[in-house]
Amino acid sequence: MNCLNRLDYGIDYFKRVLTVYAPVLDMNEKEYIQYLESMDRKNVEEKLSIIR
């Protein structure tokens, strides 16, 4: 049973990795940098809204 739990955990981990990186797989370097900057701005705005 322990082996099945580890296998399930491993599959779930790779599903999460693919979900996170799916939006950037087909981007060129410029698009990727713009995406990162956009995500940074979004994260900062969310943290500021929590503080307020």
N, C-alpha and C. Protein backbone atom coordinates (compact mmCIF):
# COMPACT_ATOMS: atom_id res chain seq x y z
N MET A 1 0.82 -1.21 0.00
CA MET A 1 0.00 0.00 0.00
C MET A 1 0.86 1.27 0.00
N ASN A 2 1.96 1.23 0.70
CA ASN A 2 2.85 2.38 0.78
C ASN A 2 3.37 2.77 -0.60
N CYS A 3 3.64 1.78 -1.42
CA CYS A 3 4.15 2.03 -2.77
C CYS A 3 3.10 2.76 -3.61
N LEU A 4 1.84 2.37 -3.44
CA LEU A 4 0.76 3.05 -4.18
C LEU A 4 0.60 4.49 -3.74
N ASN A 5 0.78 4.76 -2.46
CA ASN A 5 0.68 6.14 -1.97
C ASN A 5 1.79 7.01 -2.56
N ARG A 6 2.99 6.45 -2.63
CA ARG A 6 4.10 7.22 -3.21
C ARG A 6 3.88 7.46 -4.69
N LEU A 7 3.35 6.46 -5.39
CA LEU A 7 3.06 6.61 -6.81
C LEU A 7 1.99 7.67 -7.03
N ASP A 8 0.95 7.64 -6.21
CA ASP A 8 -0.13 8.63 -6.31
C ASP A 8 0.41 10.04 -6.04
N TYR A 9 1.26 10.16 -5.03
CA TYR A 9 1.86 11.45 -4.71
C TYR A 9 2.71 11.95 -5.88
N GLY A 10 3.50 11.04 -6.46
CA GLY A 10 4.35 11.42 -7.59
C GLY A 10 3.54 11.89 -8.78
N ILE A 11 2.46 11.20 -9.08
CA ILE A 11 1.60 11.59 -10.20
C ILE A 11 0.95 12.93 -9.93
N ASP A 12 0.46 13.13 -8.72
CA ASP A 12 -0.15 14.43 -8.37
C ASP A 12 0.87 15.56 -8.46
N TYR A 13 2.10 15.29 -8.05
CA TYR A 13 3.15 16.30 -8.12
C TYR A 13 3.38 16.72 -9.57
N PHE A 14 3.50 15.76 -10.47
CA PHE A 14 3.76 16.10 -11.87
C PHE A 14 2.55 16.76 -12.52
N LYS A 15 1.36 16.44 -12.08
CA LYS A 15 0.17 17.14 -12.58
C LYS A 15 0.23 18.62 -12.19
N ARG A 16 0.64 18.89 -10.94
CA ARG A 16 0.76 20.29 -10.49
C ARG A 16 1.84 21.02 -11.27
N VAL A 17 2.96 20.36 -11.52
CA VAL A 17 4.05 20.97 -12.28
C VAL A 17 3.56 21.34 -13.67
N LEU A 18 2.87 20.42 -14.34
CA LEU A 18 2.37 20.71 -15.68
C LEU A 18 1.33 21.82 -15.66
N THR A 19 0.50 21.86 -14.65
CA THR A 19 -0.51 22.91 -14.54
C THR A 19 0.14 24.27 -14.38
N VAL A 20 1.19 24.33 -13.58
CA VAL A 20 1.88 25.60 -13.33
C VAL A 20 2.61 26.08 -14.59
N TYR A 21 3.26 25.18 -15.30
CA TYR A 21 4.11 25.58 -16.42
C TYR A 21 3.42 25.53 -17.77
N ALA A 22 2.18 25.06 -17.84
CA ALA A 22 1.47 24.98 -19.12
C ALA A 22 1.36 26.33 -19.82
N PRO A 23 1.07 27.44 -19.11
CA PRO A 23 0.94 28.72 -19.81
C PRO A 23 2.23 29.22 -20.47
N VAL A 24 3.38 28.77 -20.01
CA VAL A 24 4.63 29.31 -20.53
C VAL A 24 5.37 28.38 -21.49
N LEU A 25 4.83 27.22 -21.76
CA LEU A 25 5.54 26.25 -22.58
C LEU A 25 5.81 26.73 -24.00
N ASP A 26 4.87 27.45 -24.59
CA ASP A 26 5.00 27.87 -25.98
C ASP A 26 5.43 29.32 -26.14
N MET A 27 5.91 29.94 -25.07
CA MET A 27 6.31 31.34 -25.15
C MET A 27 7.76 31.48 -25.57
N ASN A 28 8.05 32.59 -26.27
CA ASN A 28 9.45 32.90 -26.52
C ASN A 28 9.98 33.68 -25.30
N GLU A 29 11.24 34.04 -25.34
CA GLU A 29 11.86 34.67 -24.17
C GLU A 29 11.20 35.99 -23.80
N LYS A 30 10.87 36.81 -24.79
CA LYS A 30 10.26 38.11 -24.53
C LYS A 30 8.89 37.95 -23.88
N GLU A 31 8.08 37.05 -24.42
CA GLU A 31 6.76 36.81 -23.85
C GLU A 31 6.87 36.28 -22.43
N TYR A 32 7.85 35.42 -22.19
CA TYR A 32 8.06 34.85 -20.86
C TYR A 32 8.42 35.93 -19.85
N ILE A 33 9.30 36.83 -20.24
CA ILE A 33 9.69 37.92 -19.34
C ILE A 33 8.49 38.81 -19.04
N GLN A 34 7.68 39.12 -20.05
CA GLN A 34 6.47 39.91 -19.82
C GLN A 34 5.51 39.18 -18.89
N TYR A 35 5.39 37.88 -19.05
CA TYR A 35 4.53 37.08 -18.19
C TYR A 35 5.01 37.14 -16.75
N LEU A 36 6.32 37.00 -16.54
CA LEU A 36 6.86 37.07 -15.18
C LEU A 36 6.63 38.43 -14.55
N GLU A 37 6.84 39.49 -15.32
CA GLU A 37 6.61 40.84 -14.79
C GLU A 37 5.15 41.04 -14.43
N SER A 38 4.26 40.51 -15.26
CA SER A 38 2.83 40.61 -14.98
C SER A 38 2.47 39.86 -13.70
N MET A 39 3.03 38.68 -13.54
CA MET A 39 2.76 37.89 -12.33
C MET A 39 3.32 38.59 -11.09
N ASP A 40 4.48 39.21 -11.22
CA ASP A 40 5.06 39.96 -10.10
C ASP A 40 4.15 41.11 -9.69
N ARG A 41 3.67 41.87 -10.69
CA ARG A 41 2.77 42.98 -10.40
C ARG A 41 1.51 42.49 -9.71
N LYS A 42 0.96 41.40 -10.22
CA LYS A 42 -0.27 40.83 -9.65
C LYS A 42 -0.04 40.41 -8.19
N ASN A 43 1.09 39.75 -7.92
CA ASN A 43 1.39 39.32 -6.55
C ASN A 43 1.55 40.50 -5.61
N VAL A 44 2.22 41.55 -6.07
CA VAL A 44 2.41 42.74 -5.24
C VAL A 44 1.06 43.40 -4.95
N GLU A 45 0.22 43.52 -5.97
CA GLU A 45 -1.10 44.12 -5.77
C GLU A 45 -1.94 43.31 -4.79
N GLU A 46 -1.89 41.99 -4.87
CA GLU A 46 -2.64 41.14 -3.96
C GLU A 46 -2.15 41.32 -2.51
N LYS A 47 -0.83 41.38 -2.34
CA LYS A 47 -0.28 41.55 -0.99
C LYS A 47 -0.60 42.92 -0.44
N LEU A 48 -0.58 43.95 -1.28
CA LEU A 48 -0.94 45.29 -0.82
C LEU A 48 -2.40 45.36 -0.43
N SER A 49 -3.25 44.67 -1.18
CA SER A 49 -4.69 44.69 -0.86
C SER A 49 -4.95 43.97 0.48
N ILE A 50 -4.14 42.97 0.80
CA ILE A 50 -4.30 42.26 2.08
C ILE A 50 -3.88 43.17 3.22
N ILE A 51 -2.81 43.94 3.01
CA ILE A 51 -2.30 44.82 4.05
C ILE A 51 -3.29 45.94 4.34
N ARG A 52 -3.97 46.44 3.32
CA ARG A 52 -4.89 47.58 3.50
C ARG A 52 -6.13 47.19 4.24
